[in-house]
Amino acid sequence: FKDLAVQTDPRWRERALGHWQGCLYKEVKDEMDAADWTSPQ
């Protein structure tokens, strides 16, 4: 709509969530809470 090019920057990505990626939040909530949102595998 603006006739502008998009500049991509991977630094604006979402957090990499390792083995939690693709899971329903409710399936891994307890594990996430126990890990206190430290790095997943």
PDB file of all heavy atoms in Angstrom:
ATOM      1  N   PHE A   1       0.826  -1.211   0.000  1.00  0.00           N
ATOM      2  CA  PHE A   1       0.000   0.000   0.000  1.00  0.00           C
ATOM      3  C   PHE A   1       0.859   1.259   0.000  1.00  0.00           C
ATOM      4  O   PHE A   1       0.346   2.351  -0.232  1.00  0.00           O
ATOM      5  CB  PHE A   1      -0.909   0.011   1.237  1.00  0.00           C
ATOM      6  CG  PHE A   1      -2.122  -0.854   1.127  1.00  0.00           C
ATOM      7  CD1 PHE A   1      -2.022  -2.241   1.090  1.00  0.00           C
ATOM      8  CD2 PHE A   1      -3.391  -0.290   1.085  1.00  0.00           C
ATOM      9  CE1 PHE A   1      -3.148  -3.045   1.014  1.00  0.00           C
ATOM     10  CE2 PHE A   1      -4.526  -1.084   1.002  1.00  0.00           C
ATOM     11  CZ  PHE A   1      -4.411  -2.470   0.959  1.00  0.00           C
ATOM     12  N   LYS A   2       2.156   1.112   0.311  1.00  0.00           N
ATOM     13  CA  LYS A   2       3.034   2.266   0.479  1.00  0.00           C
ATOM     14  C   LYS A   2       4.106   2.363  -0.592  1.00  0.00           C
ATOM     15  O   LYS A   2       4.869   3.333  -0.625  1.00  0.00           O
ATOM     16  CB  LYS A   2       3.726   2.183   1.852  1.00  0.00           C
ATOM     17  CG  LYS A   2       2.803   2.391   3.035  1.00  0.00           C
ATOM     18  CD  LYS A   2       2.356   3.832   3.117  1.00  0.00           C
ATOM     19  CE  LYS A   2       1.589   4.118   4.386  1.00  0.00           C
ATOM     20  NZ  LYS A   2       1.147   5.520   4.468  1.00  0.00           N
ATOM     21  N   ASP A   3       4.209   1.377  -1.456  1.00  0.00           N
ATOM     22  CA  ASP A   3       5.276   1.339  -2.457  1.00  0.00           C
ATOM     23  C   ASP A   3       6.649   1.435  -1.805  1.00  0.00           C
ATOM     24  O   ASP A   3       7.525   2.184  -2.236  1.00  0.00           O
ATOM     25  CB  ASP A   3       5.095   2.459  -3.491  1.00  0.00           C
ATOM     26  CG  ASP A   3       5.938   2.221  -4.748  1.00  0.00           C
ATOM     27  OD1 ASP A   3       6.235   1.052  -5.040  1.00  0.00           O
ATOM     28  OD2 ASP A   3       6.288   3.211  -5.419  1.00  0.00           O
ATOM     29  N   LEU A   4       6.826   0.662  -0.731  1.00  0.00           N
ATOM     30  CA  LEU A   4       8.092   0.590  -0.023  1.00  0.00           C
ATOM     31  C   LEU A   4       8.601  -0.848  -0.028  1.00  0.00           C
ATOM     32  O   LEU A   4       7.810  -1.791  -0.067  1.00  0.00           O
ATOM     33  CB  LEU A   4       7.936   1.046   1.438  1.00  0.00           C
ATOM     34  CG  LEU A   4       7.687   2.528   1.697  1.00  0.00           C
ATOM     35  CD1 LEU A   4       7.305   2.736   3.167  1.00  0.00           C
ATOM     36  CD2 LEU A   4       8.923   3.361   1.353  1.00  0.00           C
ATOM     37  N   ALA A   5       9.912  -1.013   0.025  1.00  0.00           N
ATOM     38  CA  ALA A   5      10.501  -2.342   0.161  1.00  0.00           C
ATOM     39  C   ALA A   5      10.598  -2.694   1.646  1.00  0.00           C
ATOM     40  O   ALA A   5      10.759  -1.811   2.491  1.00  0.00           O
ATOM     41  CB  ALA A   5      11.887  -2.371  -0.475  1.00  0.00           C
ATOM     42  N   VAL A   6      10.481  -3.978   1.954  1.00  0.00           N
ATOM     43  CA  VAL A   6      10.610  -4.446   3.334  1.00  0.00           C
ATOM     44  C   VAL A   6      12.065  -4.799   3.615  1.00  0.00           C
ATOM     45  O   VAL A   6      12.680  -5.575   2.884  1.00  0.00           O
ATOM     46  CB  VAL A   6       9.715  -5.669   3.593  1.00  0.00           C
ATOM     47  CG1 VAL A   6       9.957  -6.230   4.990  1.00  0.00           C
ATOM     48  CG2 VAL A   6       8.256  -5.313   3.403  1.00  0.00           C
ATOM     49  N   GLN A   7      12.613  -4.226   4.665  1.00  0.00           N
ATOM     50  CA  GLN A   7      13.962  -4.562   5.122  1.00  0.00           C
ATOM     51  C   GLN A   7      13.840  -5.584   6.252  1.00  0.00           C
ATOM     52  O   GLN A   7      13.201  -5.302   7.261  1.00  0.00           O
ATOM     53  CB  GLN A   7      14.677  -3.307   5.632  1.00  0.00           C
ATOM     54  CG  GLN A   7      14.717  -2.160   4.647  1.00  0.00           C
ATOM     55  CD  GLN A   7      15.282  -0.893   5.259  1.00  0.00           C
ATOM     56  OE1 GLN A   7      16.245  -0.929   6.019  1.00  0.00           O
ATOM     57  NE2 GLN A   7      14.684   0.249   4.928  1.00  0.00           N
ATOM     58  N   THR A   8      14.417  -6.761   6.087  1.00  0.00           N
ATOM     59  CA  THR A   8      14.306  -7.782   7.125  1.00  0.00           C
ATOM     60  C   THR A   8      15.502  -7.739   8.065  1.00  0.00           C
ATOM     61  O   THR A   8      16.628  -7.452   7.661  1.00  0.00           O
ATOM     62  CB  THR A   8      14.173  -9.188   6.522  1.00  0.00           C
ATOM     63  OG1 THR A   8      15.293  -9.459   5.680  1.00  0.00           O
ATOM     64  CG2 THR A   8      12.888  -9.320   5.728  1.00  0.00           C
ATOM     65  N   ASP A   9      15.233  -8.025   9.316  1.00  0.00           N
ATOM     66  CA  ASP A   9      16.266  -8.058  10.348  1.00  0.00           C
ATOM     67  C   ASP A   9      15.924  -9.191  11.309  1.00  0.00           C
ATOM     68  O   ASP A   9      14.930  -9.106  12.045  1.00  0.00           O
ATOM     69  CB  ASP A   9      16.315  -6.720  11.086  1.00  0.00           C
ATOM     70  CG  ASP A   9      17.450  -6.631  12.100  1.00  0.00           C
ATOM     71  OD1 ASP A   9      17.976  -7.690  12.502  1.00  0.00           O
ATOM     72  OD2 ASP A   9      17.810  -5.504  12.494  1.00  0.00           O
ATOM     73  N   PRO A  10      16.705 -10.274  11.325  1.00  0.00           N
ATOM     74  CA  PRO A  10      16.373 -11.426  12.171  1.00  0.00           C
ATOM     75  C   PRO A  10      16.407 -11.121  13.661  1.00  0.00           C
ATOM     76  O   PRO A  10      15.904 -11.914  14.463  1.00  0.00           O
ATOM     77  CB  PRO A  10      17.425 -12.467  11.782  1.00  0.00           C
ATOM     78  CG  PRO A  10      18.549 -11.685  11.190  1.00  0.00           C
ATOM     79  CD  PRO A  10      17.911 -10.520  10.508  1.00  0.00           C
ATOM     80  N   ARG A  11      16.976  -9.982  14.042  1.00  0.00           N
ATOM     81  CA  ARG A  11      17.002  -9.637  15.471  1.00  0.00           C
ATOM     82  C   ARG A  11      15.602  -9.359  16.020  1.00  0.00           C
ATOM     83  O   ARG A  11      15.391  -9.407  17.231  1.00  0.00           O
ATOM     84  CB  ARG A  11      17.908  -8.426  15.707  1.00  0.00           C
ATOM     85  CG  ARG A  11      19.389  -8.717  15.460  1.00  0.00           C
ATOM     86  CD  ARG A  11      20.237  -7.481  15.673  1.00  0.00           C
ATOM     87  NE  ARG A  11      19.898  -6.429  14.704  1.00  0.00           N
ATOM     88  CZ  ARG A  11      20.440  -5.205  14.724  1.00  0.00           C
ATOM     89  NH1 ARG A  11      21.313  -4.881  15.673  1.00  0.00           N
ATOM     90  NH2 ARG A  11      20.100  -4.313  13.805  1.00  0.00           N
ATOM     91  N   TRP A  12      14.624  -9.103  15.131  1.00  0.00           N
ATOM     92  CA  TRP A  12      13.253  -8.868  15.575  1.00  0.00           C
ATOM     93  C   TRP A  12      12.452 -10.158  15.686  1.00  0.00           C
ATOM     94  O   TRP A  12      11.242 -10.131  15.956  1.00  0.00           O
ATOM     95  CB  TRP A  12      12.550  -7.897  14.621  1.00  0.00           C
ATOM     96  CG  TRP A  12      13.043  -6.494  14.760  1.00  0.00           C
ATOM     97  CD1 TRP A  12      13.866  -5.817  13.909  1.00  0.00           C
ATOM     98  CD2 TRP A  12      12.757  -5.585  15.837  1.00  0.00           C
ATOM     99  NE1 TRP A  12      14.110  -4.546  14.386  1.00  0.00           N
ATOM    100  CE2 TRP A  12      13.444  -4.376  15.561  1.00  0.00           C
ATOM    101  CE3 TRP A  12      11.983  -5.679  16.998  1.00  0.00           C
ATOM    102  CZ2 TRP A  12      13.369  -3.270  16.413  1.00  0.00           C
ATOM    103  CZ3 TRP A  12      11.914  -4.585  17.842  1.00  0.00           C
ATOM    104  CH2 TRP A  12      12.599  -3.400  17.549  1.00  0.00           C
ATOM    105  N   ARG A  13      13.100 -11.314  15.513  1.00  0.00           N
ATOM    106  CA  ARG A  13      12.400 -12.601  15.619  1.00  0.00           C
ATOM    107  C   ARG A  13      11.824 -12.844  17.010  1.00  0.00           C
ATOM    108  O   ARG A  13      12.253 -12.268  18.003  1.00  0.00           O
ATOM    109  CB  ARG A  13      13.364 -13.749  15.326  1.00  0.00           C
ATOM    110  CG  ARG A  13      13.671 -13.984  13.865  1.00  0.00           C
ATOM    111  CD  ARG A  13      14.523 -15.230  13.718  1.00  0.00           C
ATOM    112  NE  ARG A  13      14.697 -15.608  12.328  1.00  0.00           N
ATOM    113  CZ  ARG A  13      15.005 -16.833  11.928  1.00  0.00           C
ATOM    114  NH1 ARG A  13      15.171 -17.795  12.831  1.00  0.00           N
ATOM    115  NH2 ARG A  13      15.134 -17.103  10.643  1.00  0.00           N
ATOM    116  N   GLU A  14      10.859 -13.762  17.031  1.00  0.00           N
ATOM    117  CA  GLU A  14      10.345 -14.302  18.287  1.00  0.00           C
ATOM    118  C   GLU A  14      11.467 -15.090  18.965  1.00  0.00           C
ATOM    119  O   GLU A  14      12.495 -15.414  18.351  1.00  0.00           O
ATOM    120  CB  GLU A  14       9.135 -15.199  17.995  1.00  0.00           C
ATOM    121  CG  GLU A  14       8.435 -15.789  19.203  1.00  0.00           C
ATOM    122  CD  GLU A  14       7.935 -14.738  20.165  1.00  0.00           C
ATOM    123  OE1 GLU A  14       8.743 -14.313  21.029  1.00  0.00           O
ATOM    124  OE2 GLU A  14       6.759 -14.354  20.085  1.00  0.00           O
ATOM    125  N   ARG A  15      11.268 -15.405  20.213  1.00  0.00           N
ATOM    126  CA  ARG A  15      12.238 -16.228  20.938  1.00  0.00           C
ATOM    127  C   ARG A  15      12.263 -17.645  20.373  1.00  0.00           C
ATOM    128  O   ARG A  15      11.215 -18.217  20.066  1.00  0.00           O
ATOM    129  CB  ARG A  15      11.868 -16.273  22.417  1.00  0.00           C
ATOM    130  CG  ARG A  15      12.866 -17.045  23.269  1.00  0.00           C
ATOM    131  CD  ARG A  15      12.420 -17.046  24.708  1.00  0.00           C
ATOM    132  NE  ARG A  15      13.221 -17.979  25.478  1.00  0.00           N
ATOM    133  CZ  ARG A  15      12.830 -18.520  26.630  1.00  0.00           C
ATOM    134  NH1 ARG A  15      11.654 -18.213  27.133  1.00  0.00           N
ATOM    135  NH2 ARG A  15      13.610 -19.369  27.275  1.00  0.00           N
ATOM    136  N   ALA A  16      13.450 -18.197  20.214  1.00  0.00           N
ATOM    137  CA  ALA A  16      13.589 -19.602  19.825  1.00  0.00           C
ATOM    138  C   ALA A  16      13.218 -20.470  21.030  1.00  0.00           C
ATOM    139  O   ALA A  16      13.814 -20.343  22.099  1.00  0.00           O
ATOM    140  CB  ALA A  16      15.019 -19.887  19.382  1.00  0.00           C
ATOM    141  N   LEU A  17      12.227 -21.346  20.843  1.00  0.00           N
ATOM    142  CA  LEU A  17      11.676 -22.099  21.968  1.00  0.00           C
ATOM    143  C   LEU A  17      12.032 -23.580  21.949  1.00  0.00           C
ATOM    144  O   LEU A  17      11.428 -24.374  22.688  1.00  0.00           O
ATOM    145  CB  LEU A  17      10.153 -21.923  22.006  1.00  0.00           C
ATOM    146  CG  LEU A  17       9.695 -20.504  22.375  1.00  0.00           C
ATOM    147  CD1 LEU A  17       8.183 -20.388  22.225  1.00  0.00           C
ATOM    148  CD2 LEU A  17      10.120 -20.149  23.798  1.00  0.00           C
ATOM    149  N   GLY A  18      12.986 -23.958  21.126  1.00  0.00           N
ATOM    150  CA  GLY A  18      13.492 -25.328  21.172  1.00  0.00           C
ATOM    151  C   GLY A  18      12.402 -26.369  21.059  1.00  0.00           C
ATOM    152  O   GLY A  18      11.541 -26.296  20.190  1.00  0.00           O
ATOM    153  N   HIS A  19      12.422 -27.344  21.974  1.00  0.00           N
ATOM    154  CA  HIS A  19      11.477 -28.466  21.866  1.00  0.00           C
ATOM    155  C   HIS A  19      10.049 -28.088  22.233  1.00  0.00           C
ATOM    156  O   HIS A  19       9.136 -28.897  22.068  1.00  0.00           O
ATOM    157  CB  HIS A  19      11.965 -29.654  22.715  1.00  0.00           C
ATOM    158  CG  HIS A  19      11.843 -29.438  24.197  1.00  0.00           C
ATOM    159  ND1 HIS A  19      12.717 -28.655  24.914  1.00  0.00           N
ATOM    160  CD2 HIS A  19      10.942 -29.918  25.095  1.00  0.00           C
ATOM    161  CE1 HIS A  19      12.368 -28.659  26.191  1.00  0.00           C
ATOM    162  NE2 HIS A  19      11.297 -29.417  26.332  1.00  0.00           N
ATOM    163  N   TRP A  20       9.826 -26.861  22.717  1.00  0.00           N
ATOM    164  CA  TRP A  20       8.452 -26.406  22.960  1.00  0.00           C
ATOM    165  C   TRP A  20       7.770 -25.949  21.669  1.00  0.00           C
ATOM    166  O   TRP A  20       6.540 -25.845  21.628  1.00  0.00           O
ATOM    167  CB  TRP A  20       8.451 -25.252  23.954  1.00  0.00           C
ATOM    168  CG  TRP A  20       8.863 -25.623  25.349  1.00  0.00           C
ATOM    169  CD1 TRP A  20       8.773 -26.851  25.930  1.00  0.00           C
ATOM    170  CD2 TRP A  20       9.416 -24.750  26.332  1.00  0.00           C
ATOM    171  NE1 TRP A  20       9.241 -26.811  27.218  1.00  0.00           N
ATOM    172  CE2 TRP A  20       9.649 -25.521  27.502  1.00  0.00           C
ATOM    173  CE3 TRP A  20       9.737 -23.398  26.357  1.00  0.00           C
ATOM    174  CZ2 TRP A  20      10.180 -24.976  28.662  1.00  0.00           C
ATOM    175  CZ3 TRP A  20      10.270 -22.847  27.522  1.00  0.00           C
ATOM    176  CH2 TRP A  20      10.489 -23.630  28.654  1.00  0.00           C
ATOM    177  N   GLN A  21       8.522 -25.644  20.642  1.00  0.00           N
ATOM    178  CA  GLN A  21       7.943 -25.133  19.408  1.00  0.00           C
ATOM    179  C   GLN A  21       7.005 -26.158  18.782  1.00  0.00           C
ATOM    180  O   GLN A  21       7.336 -27.335  18.660  1.00  0.00           O
ATOM    181  CB  GLN A  21       9.053 -24.754  18.414  1.00  0.00           C
ATOM    182  CG  GLN A  21       9.864 -23.569  18.886  1.00  0.00           C
ATOM    183  CD  GLN A  21      10.948 -23.129  17.934  1.00  0.00           C
ATOM    184  OE1 GLN A  21      11.500 -22.053  18.085  1.00  0.00           O
ATOM    185  NE2 GLN A  21      11.311 -23.931  16.949  1.00  0.00           N
ATOM    186  N   GLY A  22       5.833 -25.694  18.392  1.00  0.00           N
ATOM    187  CA  GLY A  22       4.820 -26.566  17.806  1.00  0.00           C
ATOM    188  C   GLY A  22       3.879 -27.177  18.818  1.00  0.00           C
ATOM    189  O   GLY A  22       2.846 -27.743  18.438  1.00  0.00           O
ATOM    190  N   CYS A  23       4.193 -27.061  20.104  1.00  0.00           N
ATOM    191  CA  CYS A  23       3.331 -27.613  21.151  1.00  0.00           C
ATOM    192  C   CYS A  23       2.246 -26.614  21.528  1.00  0.00           C
ATOM    193  O   CYS A  23       2.436 -25.393  21.445  1.00  0.00           O
ATOM    194  CB  CYS A  23       4.144 -27.935  22.401  1.00  0.00           C
ATOM    195  SG  CYS A  23       5.393 -29.216  22.194  1.00  0.00           S
ATOM    196  N   LEU A  24       1.112 -27.130  21.966  1.00  0.00           N
ATOM    197  CA  LEU A  24       0.102 -26.268  22.565  1.00  0.00           C
ATOM    198  C   LEU A  24       0.650 -25.719  23.881  1.00  0.00           C
ATOM    199  O   LEU A  24       1.300 -26.441  24.641  1.00  0.00           O
ATOM    200  CB  LEU A  24      -1.191 -27.034  22.830  1.00  0.00           C
ATOM    201  CG  LEU A  24      -1.972 -27.499  21.602  1.00  0.00           C
ATOM    202  CD1 LEU A  24      -3.106 -28.431  22.016  1.00  0.00           C
ATOM    203  CD2 LEU A  24      -2.525 -26.298  20.835  1.00  0.00           C
ATOM    204  N   TYR A  25       0.359 -24.457  24.141  1.00  0.00           N
ATOM    205  CA  TYR A  25       0.831 -23.840  25.382  1.00  0.00           C
ATOM    206  C   TYR A  25       0.402 -24.650  26.602  1.00  0.00           C
ATOM    207  O   TYR A  25       1.193 -24.889  27.516  1.00  0.00           O
ATOM    208  CB  TYR A  25       0.303 -22.409  25.471  1.00  0.00           C
ATOM    209  CG  TYR A  25       0.595 -21.723  26.784  1.00  0.00           C
ATOM    210  CD1 TYR A  25       1.875 -21.262  27.079  1.00  0.00           C
ATOM    211  CD2 TYR A  25      -0.418 -21.548  27.741  1.00  0.00           C
ATOM    212  CE1 TYR A  25       2.141 -20.643  28.287  1.00  0.00           C
ATOM    213  CE2 TYR A  25      -0.152 -20.927  28.947  1.00  0.00           C
ATOM    214  CZ  TYR A  25       1.126 -20.469  29.221  1.00  0.00           C
ATOM    215  OH  TYR A  25       1.396 -19.856  30.430  1.00  0.00           O
ATOM    216  N   LYS A  26      -0.859 -25.118  26.609  1.00  0.00           N
ATOM    217  CA  LYS A  26      -1.359 -25.843  27.767  1.00  0.00           C
ATOM    218  C   LYS A  26      -0.644 -27.184  27.963  1.00  0.00           C
ATOM    219  O   LYS A  26      -0.620 -27.710  29.075  1.00  0.00           O
ATOM    220  CB  LYS A  26      -2.862 -26.052  27.654  1.00  0.00           C
ATOM    221  CG  LYS A  26      -3.307 -26.901  26.474  1.00  0.00           C
ATOM    222  CD  LYS A  26      -4.829 -26.923  26.376  1.00  0.00           C
ATOM    223  CE  LYS A  26      -5.322 -27.732  25.187  1.00  0.00           C
ATOM    224  NZ  LYS A  26      -6.798 -27.680  25.060  1.00  0.00           N
ATOM    225  N   GLU A  27      -0.031 -27.721  26.886  1.00  0.00           N
ATOM    226  CA  GLU A  27       0.688 -28.995  26.994  1.00  0.00           C
ATOM    227  C   GLU A  27       2.030 -28.839  27.711  1.00  0.00           C
ATOM    228  O   GLU A  27       2.516 -29.798  28.315  1.00  0.00           O
ATOM    229  CB  GLU A  27       0.941 -29.570  25.593  1.00  0.00           C
ATOM    230  CG  GLU A  27      -0.303 -30.004  24.860  1.00  0.00           C
ATOM    231  CD  GLU A  27      -0.025 -30.454  23.439  1.00  0.00           C
ATOM    232  OE1 GLU A  27       1.016 -30.050  22.858  1.00  0.00           O
ATOM    233  OE2 GLU A  27      -0.860 -31.195  22.879  1.00  0.00           O
ATOM    234  N   VAL A  28       2.625 -27.664  27.612  1.00  0.00           N
ATOM    235  CA  VAL A  28       3.972 -27.474  28.171  1.00  0.00           C
ATOM    236  C   VAL A  28       3.996 -26.412  29.260  1.00  0.00           C
ATOM    237  O   VAL A  28       5.068 -26.081  29.769  1.00  0.00           O
ATOM    238  CB  VAL A  28       4.981 -27.115  27.062  1.00  0.00           C
ATOM    239  CG1 VAL A  28       5.134 -28.276  26.086  1.00  0.00           C
ATOM    240  CG2 VAL A  28       4.586 -25.843  26.341  1.00  0.00           C
ATOM    241  N   LYS A  29       2.832 -25.899  29.644  1.00  0.00           N
ATOM    242  CA  LYS A  29       2.788 -24.815  30.632  1.00  0.00           C
ATOM    243  C   LYS A  29       3.496 -25.194  31.921  1.00  0.00           C
ATOM    244  O   LYS A  29       4.273 -24.414  32.475  1.00  0.00           O
ATOM    245  CB  LYS A  29       1.346 -24.415  30.923  1.00  0.00           C
ATOM    246  CG  LYS A  29       1.223 -23.253  31.924  1.00  0.00           C
ATOM    247  CD  LYS A  29      -0.220 -22.925  32.212  1.00  0.00           C
ATOM    248  CE  LYS A  29      -0.324 -21.731  33.153  1.00  0.00           C
ATOM    249  NZ  LYS A  29       0.339 -21.984  34.462  1.00  0.00           N
ATOM    250  N   ASP A  30       3.215 -26.400  32.438  1.00  0.00           N
ATOM    251  CA  ASP A  30       3.827 -26.806  33.694  1.00  0.00           C
ATOM    252  C   ASP A  30       5.345 -26.886  33.563  1.00  0.00           C
ATOM    253  O   ASP A  30       6.073 -26.469  34.469  1.00  0.00           O
ATOM    254  CB  ASP A  30       3.271 -28.155  34.157  1.00  0.00           C
ATOM    255  CG  ASP A  30       1.817 -28.059  34.606  1.00  0.00           C
ATOM    256  OD1 ASP A  30       1.342 -26.930  34.844  1.00  0.00           O
ATOM    257  OD2 ASP A  30       1.163 -29.111  34.697  1.00  0.00           O
ATOM    258  N   GLU A  31       5.814 -27.425  32.445  1.00  0.00           N
ATOM    259  CA  GLU A  31       7.257 -27.511  32.223  1.00  0.00           C
ATOM    260  C   GLU A  31       7.855 -26.111  32.115  1.00  0.00           C
ATOM    261  O   GLU A  31       8.930 -25.839  32.664  1.00  0.00           O
ATOM    262  CB  GLU A  31       7.547 -28.298  30.949  1.00  0.00           C
ATOM    263  CG  GLU A  31       9.031 -28.479  30.670  1.00  0.00           C
ATOM    264  CD  GLU A  31       9.284 -29.204  29.359  1.00  0.00           C
ATOM    265  OE1 GLU A  31       8.341 -29.767  28.787  1.00  0.00           O
ATOM    266  OE2 GLU A  31      10.449 -29.185  28.911  1.00  0.00           O
ATOM    267  N   MET A  32       7.167 -25.209  31.432  1.00  0.00           N
ATOM    268  CA  MET A  32       7.653 -23.843  31.288  1.00  0.00           C
ATOM    269  C   MET A  32       7.690 -23.135  32.632  1.00  0.00           C
ATOM    270  O   MET A  32       8.655 -22.441  32.953  1.00  0.00           O
ATOM    271  CB  MET A  32       6.759 -23.067  30.309  1.00  0.00           C
ATOM    272  CG  MET A  32       6.877 -23.559  28.882  1.00  0.00           C
ATOM    273  SD  MET A  32       5.562 -22.919  27.808  1.00  0.00           S
ATOM    274  CE  MET A  32       6.023 -21.207  27.729  1.00  0.00           C
ATOM    275  N   ASP A  33       6.660 -23.338  33.446  1.00  0.00           N
ATOM    276  CA  ASP A  33       6.623 -22.707  34.767  1.00  0.00           C
ATOM    277  C   ASP A  33       7.733 -23.254  35.660  1.00  0.00           C
ATOM    278  O   ASP A  33       8.379 -22.505  36.406  1.00  0.00           O
ATOM    279  CB  ASP A  33       5.267 -22.951  35.435  1.00  0.00           C
ATOM    280  CG  ASP A  33       4.144 -22.173  34.774  1.00  0.00           C
ATOM    281  OD1 ASP A  33       4.441 -21.237  34.002  1.00  0.00           O
ATOM    282  OD2 ASP A  33       2.966 -22.511  35.023  1.00  0.00           O
ATOM    283  N   ALA A  34       7.968 -24.557  35.578  1.00  0.00           N
ATOM    284  CA  ALA A  34       9.011 -25.168  36.393  1.00  0.00           C
ATOM    285  C   ALA A  34      10.395 -24.670  35.989  1.00  0.00           C
ATOM    286  O   ALA A  34      11.282 -24.498  36.828  1.00  0.00           O
ATOM    287  CB  ALA A  34       8.946 -26.694  36.270  1.00  0.00           C
ATOM    288  N   ALA A  35      10.556 -24.427  34.685  1.00  0.00           N
ATOM    289  CA  ALA A  35      11.841 -23.938  34.194  1.00  0.00           C
ATOM    290  C   ALA A  35      11.986 -22.436  34.389  1.00  0.00           C
ATOM    291  O   ALA A  35      13.055 -21.882  34.162  1.00  0.00           O
ATOM    292  CB  ALA A  35      11.975 -24.262  32.701  1.00  0.00           C
ATOM    293  N   ASP A  36      10.883 -21.778  34.826  1.00  0.00           N
ATOM    294  CA  ASP A  36      10.875 -20.329  35.015  1.00  0.00           C
ATOM    295  C   ASP A  36      11.340 -19.612  33.752  1.00  0.00           C
ATOM    296  O   ASP A  36      12.036 -18.614  33.792  1.00  0.00           O
ATOM    297  CB  ASP A  36      11.741 -19.936  36.215  1.00  0.00           C
ATOM    298  CG  ASP A  36      11.471 -18.503  36.654  1.00  0.00           C
ATOM    299  OD1 ASP A  36      10.334 -18.017  36.431  1.00  0.00           O
ATOM    300  OD2 ASP A  36      12.400 -17.869  37.189  1.00  0.00           O
ATOM    301  N   TRP A  37      10.950 -20.154  32.613  1.00  0.00           N
ATOM    302  CA  TRP A  37      11.272 -19.564  31.306  1.00  0.00           C
ATOM    303  C   TRP A  37      12.766 -19.462  31.048  1.00  0.00           C
ATOM    304  O   TRP A  37      13.240 -18.591  30.325  1.00  0.00           O
ATOM    305  CB  TRP A  37      10.596 -18.198  31.135  1.00  0.00           C
ATOM    306  CG  TRP A  37       9.175 -18.356  30.751  1.00  0.00           C
ATOM    307  CD1 TRP A  37       8.115 -18.492  31.588  1.00  0.00           C
ATOM    308  CD2 TRP A  37       8.642 -18.455  29.433  1.00  0.00           C
ATOM    309  NE1 TRP A  37       6.960 -18.653  30.885  1.00  0.00           N
ATOM    310  CE2 TRP A  37       7.251 -18.630  29.559  1.00  0.00           C
ATOM    311  CE3 TRP A  37       9.206 -18.400  28.167  1.00  0.00           C
ATOM    312  CZ2 TRP A  37       6.429 -18.761  28.454  1.00  0.00           C
ATOM    313  CZ3 TRP A  37       8.380 -18.528  27.062  1.00  0.00           C
ATOM    314  CH2 TRP A  37       7.008 -18.712  27.225  1.00  0.00           C
ATOM    315  N   THR A  38      13.541 -20.356  31.656  1.00  0.00           N
ATOM    316  CA  THR A  38      14.938 -20.453  31.260  1.00  0.00           C
ATOM    317  C   THR A  38      14.986 -21.161  29.914  1.00  0.00           C
ATOM    318  O   THR A  38      13.967 -21.545  29.367  1.00  0.00           O
ATOM    319  CB  THR A  38      15.754 -21.229  32.306  1.00  0.00           C
ATOM    320  OG1 THR A  38      15.127 -22.495  32.533  1.00  0.00           O
ATOM    321  CG2 THR A  38      15.835 -20.448  33.612  1.00  0.00           C
ATOM    322  N   SER A  39      16.169 -21.352  29.371  1.00  0.00           N
ATOM    323  CA  SER A  39      16.293 -21.863  28.015  1.00  0.00           C
ATOM    324  C   SER A  39      15.762 -23.292  27.894  1.00  0.00           C
ATOM    325  O   SER A  39      16.227 -24.196  28.590  1.00  0.00           O
ATOM    326  CB  SER A  39      17.759 -21.827  27.571  1.00  0.00           C
ATOM    327  OG  SER A  39      17.888 -22.343  26.271  1.00  0.00           O
ATOM    328  N   PRO A  40      14.794 -23.531  27.008  1.00  0.00           N
ATOM    329  CA  PRO A  40      14.374 -24.908  26.748  1.00  0.00           C
ATOM    330  C   PRO A  40      15.445 -25.620  25.925  1.00  0.00           C
ATOM    331  O   PRO A  40      16.306 -24.969  25.316  1.00  0.00           O
ATOM    332  CB  PRO A  40      13.090 -24.732  25.933  1.00  0.00           C
ATOM    333  CG  PRO A  40      13.283 -23.424  25.240  1.00  0.00           C
ATOM    334  CD  PRO A  40      14.076 -22.559  26.173  1.00  0.00           C
ATOM    335  N   GLN A  41      15.391 -26.928  25.893  1.00  0.00           N
ATOM    336  CA  GLN A  41      16.353 -27.683  25.097  1.00  0.00           C
ATOM    337  C   GLN A  41      16.319 -27.218  23.645  1.00  0.00           C
ATOM    338  O   GLN A  41      15.271 -27.217  23.005  1.00  0.00           O
ATOM    339  CB  GLN A  41      16.035 -29.178  25.180  1.00  0.00           C
ATOM    340  CG  GLN A  41      17.027 -30.062  24.432  1.00  0.00           C
ATOM    341  CD  GLN A  41      16.658 -31.537  24.537  1.00  0.00           C
ATOM    342  OE1 GLN A  41      15.782 -31.909  25.314  1.00  0.00           O
ATOM    343  NE2 GLN A  41      17.312 -32.364  23.767  1.00  0.00           N
TER     344      GLN A  41
END
